[in-house]
Amino acid sequence: MAISQDERGFFIALGNRIARLRKESHITQAQLAETLGVSQSTMNAYELGNRRVSLSALPTLAKTLGVSPEELLDETNAVTKKRGPAPKLQQHMERISQLPKPRQRMVMEMLDAVLAQGNR
């Protein structure tokens, strides 16, 4: 099914946001395509606004790019809002939060020591 003129503007803007966020996250089109289970040419078509992004792909796409699905879709606020932590950092934080409390404290102490050295 072809994209209507009304939809075209939305999908071009969405594709631009996806491309910008992907580049900011230092992710290649091929890597993002693999994460979504699509071909690189399909990913390219998403970024150009030539293809509709599947609704089921939006949560994975947003998480990979470090934004909420709402931010990914919101044309007005996506550019002005500050992005969250880089996906890899976010993944580490989620893993740390799953550790027992004593291990979490140990990791925090190590981070504090490293950060204190970095400020010298």
C-alpha atoms as a PDB file:
ATOM      1  CA  MET A   1       0.000   0.000   0.000  1.00  0.00           C
ATOM      2  CA  ALA A   2       1.411   3.366  -1.028  1.00  0.00           C
ATOM      3  CA  ILE A   3       1.933   6.214   1.428  1.00  0.00           C
ATOM      4  CA  SER A   4      -0.601   9.016   0.983  1.00  0.00           C
ATOM      5  CA  GLN A   5       0.491  12.658   0.691  1.00  0.00           C
ATOM      6  CA  ASP A   6      -0.849  13.332   4.206  1.00  0.00           C
ATOM      7  CA  GLU A   7       1.213  10.477   5.625  1.00  0.00           C
ATOM      8  CA  ARG A   8       4.305  11.303   3.590  1.00  0.00           C
ATOM      9  CA  GLY A   9       5.234  14.389   5.628  1.00  0.00           C
ATOM     10  CA  PHE A  10       4.900  12.461   8.881  1.00  0.00           C
ATOM     11  CA  PHE A  11       7.053   9.559   7.684  1.00  0.00           C
ATOM     12  CA  ILE A  12       9.715  11.886   6.262  1.00  0.00           C
ATOM     13  CA  ALA A  13       9.938  13.689   9.620  1.00  0.00           C
ATOM     14  CA  LEU A  14      10.008  10.362  11.488  1.00  0.00           C
ATOM     15  CA  GLY A  15      12.725   9.064   9.166  1.00  0.00           C
ATOM     16  CA  ASN A  16      14.785  12.209   9.750  1.00  0.00           C
ATOM     17  CA  ARG A  17      14.482  11.737  13.532  1.00  0.00           C
ATOM     18  CA  ILE A  18      15.460   8.072  13.257  1.00  0.00           C
ATOM     19  CA  ALA A  19      18.515   8.925  11.127  1.00  0.00           C
ATOM     20  CA  ARG A  20      19.591  11.750  13.461  1.00  0.00           C
ATOM     21  CA  LEU A  21      19.200   9.655  16.620  1.00  0.00           C
ATOM     22  CA  ARG A  22      20.941   6.685  14.981  1.00  0.00           C
ATOM     23  CA  LYS A  23      23.933   8.826  14.019  1.00  0.00           C
ATOM     24  CA  GLU A  24      24.074  10.454  17.471  1.00  0.00           C
ATOM     25  CA  SER A  25      24.135   6.951  18.971  1.00  0.00           C
ATOM     26  CA  HIS A  26      26.945   5.884  16.597  1.00  0.00           C
ATOM     27  CA  ILE A  27      24.820   3.068  15.179  1.00  0.00           C
ATOM     28  CA  THR A  28      25.029   2.128  11.502  1.00  0.00           C
ATOM     29  CA  GLN A  29      21.989   1.544   9.327  1.00  0.00           C
ATOM     30  CA  ALA A  30      23.021  -2.101   9.050  1.00  0.00           C
ATOM     31  CA  GLN A  31      23.214  -2.494  12.835  1.00  0.00           C
ATOM     32  CA  LEU A  32      19.820  -0.877  13.377  1.00  0.00           C
ATOM     33  CA  ALA A  33      18.307  -2.947  10.563  1.00  0.00           C
ATOM     34  CA  GLU A  34      19.638  -6.125  12.170  1.00  0.00           C
ATOM     35  CA  THR A  35      18.174  -5.128  15.546  1.00  0.00           C
ATOM     36  CA  LEU A  36      14.775  -4.603  13.905  1.00  0.00           C
ATOM     37  CA  GLY A  37      15.015  -7.745  11.784  1.00  0.00           C
ATOM     38  CA  VAL A  38      14.758  -5.879   8.481  1.00  0.00           C
ATOM     39  CA  SER A  39      17.124  -5.376   5.567  1.00  0.00           C
ATOM     40  CA  GLN A  40      19.408  -2.363   5.329  1.00  0.00           C
ATOM     41  CA  SER A  41      17.470  -1.198   2.263  1.00  0.00           C
ATOM     42  CA  THR A  42      14.258  -1.264   4.337  1.00  0.00           C
ATOM     43  CA  MET A  43      15.998   0.739   7.071  1.00  0.00           C
ATOM     44  CA  ASN A  44      17.129   3.241   4.434  1.00  0.00           C
ATOM     45  CA  ALA A  45      13.542   3.499   3.155  1.00  0.00           C
ATOM     46  CA  TYR A  46      12.340   4.181   6.727  1.00  0.00           C
ATOM     47  CA  GLU A  47      14.883   6.985   7.115  1.00  0.00           C
ATOM     48  CA  LEU A  48      13.912   8.522   3.762  1.00  0.00           C
ATOM     49  CA  GLY A  49      10.209   8.327   4.595  1.00  0.00           C
ATOM     50  CA  ASN A  50       9.538   6.012   1.657  1.00  0.00           C
ATOM     51  CA  ARG A  51       8.198   3.193   3.843  1.00  0.00           C
ATOM     52  CA  ARG A  52       5.962   3.021   6.879  1.00  0.00           C
ATOM     53  CA  VAL A  53       7.721   1.971  10.069  1.00  0.00           C
ATOM     54  CA  SER A  54       5.905  -1.011  11.529  1.00  0.00           C
ATOM     55  CA  LEU A  55       4.022  -0.226  14.732  1.00  0.00           C
ATOM     56  CA  SER A  56       5.476  -3.356  16.321  1.00  0.00           C
ATOM     57  CA  ALA A  57       9.020  -2.073  15.599  1.00  0.00           C
ATOM     58  CA  LEU A  58       8.559   1.250  17.410  1.00  0.00           C
ATOM     59  CA  PRO A  59       9.351   0.062  20.978  1.00  0.00           C
ATOM     60  CA  THR A  60      12.566  -1.674  19.876  1.00  0.00           C
ATOM     61  CA  LEU A  61      13.517   1.247  17.665  1.00  0.00           C
ATOM     62  CA  ALA A  62      12.964   3.777  20.446  1.00  0.00           C
ATOM     63  CA  LYS A  63      14.838   1.721  23.051  1.00  0.00           C
ATOM     64  CA  THR A  64      17.785   1.176  20.716  1.00  0.00           C
ATOM     65  CA  LEU A  65      17.948   4.916  19.993  1.00  0.00           C
ATOM     66  CA  GLY A  66      17.663   5.845  23.676  1.00  0.00           C
ATOM     67  CA  VAL A  67      14.313   7.636  23.549  1.00  0.00           C
ATOM     68  CA  SER A  68      10.736   6.794  24.460  1.00  0.00           C
ATOM     69  CA  PRO A  69       8.324   5.794  21.691  1.00  0.00           C
ATOM     70  CA  GLU A  70       6.445   9.026  22.390  1.00  0.00           C
ATOM     71  CA  GLU A  71       9.600  11.102  21.836  1.00  0.00           C
ATOM     72  CA  LEU A  72      10.341   9.202  18.646  1.00  0.00           C
ATOM     73  CA  LEU A  73       6.880   9.974  17.252  1.00  0.00           C
ATOM     74  CA  ASP A  74       6.485  13.514  18.594  1.00  0.00           C
ATOM     75  CA  GLU A  75       7.408  15.907  15.806  1.00  0.00           C
ATOM     76  CA  THR A  76       7.338  19.025  17.994  1.00  0.00           C
ATOM     77  CA  ASN A  77       9.256  17.915  21.076  1.00  0.00           C
ATOM     78  CA  ALA A  78      11.655  15.251  19.828  1.00  0.00           C
ATOM     79  CA  VAL A  79      14.304  17.760  18.765  1.00  0.00           C
ATOM     80  CA  THR A  80      13.990  20.071  21.775  1.00  0.00           C
ATOM     81  CA  LYS A  81      13.979  17.425  24.507  1.00  0.00           C
ATOM     82  CA  LYS A  82      17.298  16.260  25.849  1.00  0.00           C
ATOM     83  CA  ARG A  83      17.976  12.643  25.011  1.00  0.00           C
ATOM     84  CA  GLY A  84      18.503  10.155  27.778  1.00  0.00           C
ATOM     85  CA  PRO A  85      21.680   8.235  28.417  1.00  0.00           C
ATOM     86  CA  ALA A  86      23.365   6.391  25.586  1.00  0.00           C
ATOM     87  CA  PRO A  87      21.803   2.950  25.055  1.00  0.00           C
ATOM     88  CA  LYS A  88      24.901   1.081  26.261  1.00  0.00           C
ATOM     89  CA  LEU A  89      25.086   3.159  29.445  1.00  0.00           C
ATOM     90  CA  GLN A  90      21.363   2.627  29.978  1.00  0.00           C
ATOM     91  CA  GLN A  91      21.808  -1.127  29.593  1.00  0.00           C
ATOM     92  CA  HIS A  92      24.618  -1.112  32.160  1.00  0.00           C
ATOM     93  CA  MET A  93      22.470   0.855  34.596  1.00  0.00           C
ATOM     94  CA  GLU A  94      19.620  -1.625  34.195  1.00  0.00           C
ATOM     95  CA  ARG A  95      21.993  -4.531  34.856  1.00  0.00           C
ATOM     96  CA  ILE A  96      23.437  -2.799  37.928  1.00  0.00           C
ATOM     97  CA  SER A  97      19.934  -2.234  39.289  1.00  0.00           C
ATOM     98  CA  GLN A  98      19.380  -6.005  39.177  1.00  0.00           C
ATOM     99  CA  LEU A  99      22.388  -6.696  41.424  1.00  0.00           C
ATOM    100  CA  PRO A 100      21.994  -7.265  45.161  1.00  0.00           C
ATOM    101  CA  LYS A 101      22.188  -4.023  47.198  1.00  0.00           C
ATOM    102  CA  PRO A 102      25.735  -4.681  48.556  1.00  0.00           C
ATOM    103  CA  ARG A 103      27.029  -5.181  44.999  1.00  0.00           C
ATOM    104  CA  GLN A 104      25.227  -2.026  43.850  1.00  0.00           C
ATOM    105  CA  ARG A 105      26.983  -0.054  46.618  1.00  0.00           C
ATOM    106  CA  MET A 106      30.338  -1.527  45.574  1.00  0.00           C
ATOM    107  CA  VAL A 107      29.770  -0.513  41.930  1.00  0.00           C
ATOM    108  CA  MET A 108      28.713   2.991  43.009  1.00  0.00           C
ATOM    109  CA  GLU A 109      31.844   3.365  45.150  1.00  0.00           C
ATOM    110  CA  MET A 110      33.994   2.310  42.203  1.00  0.00           C
ATOM    111  CA  LEU A 111      32.234   4.779  39.897  1.00  0.00           C
ATOM    112  CA  ASP A 112      32.614   7.564  42.458  1.00  0.00           C
ATOM    113  CA  ALA A 113      36.360   6.863  42.696  1.00  0.00           C
ATOM    114  CA  VAL A 114      36.811   6.851  38.904  1.00  0.00           C
ATOM    115  CA  LEU A 115      34.773  10.034  38.490  1.00  0.00           C
ATOM    116  CA  ALA A 116      36.712  11.757  41.260  1.00  0.00           C
ATOM    117  CA  GLN A 117      39.979  10.936  39.458  1.00  0.00           C
ATOM    118  CA  GLY A 118      38.550  12.291  36.205  1.00  0.00           C
ATOM    119  CA  ASN A 119      37.844  15.666  37.800  1.00  0.00           C
ATOM    120  CA  ARG A 120      41.456  16.257  38.787  1.00  0.00           C
END
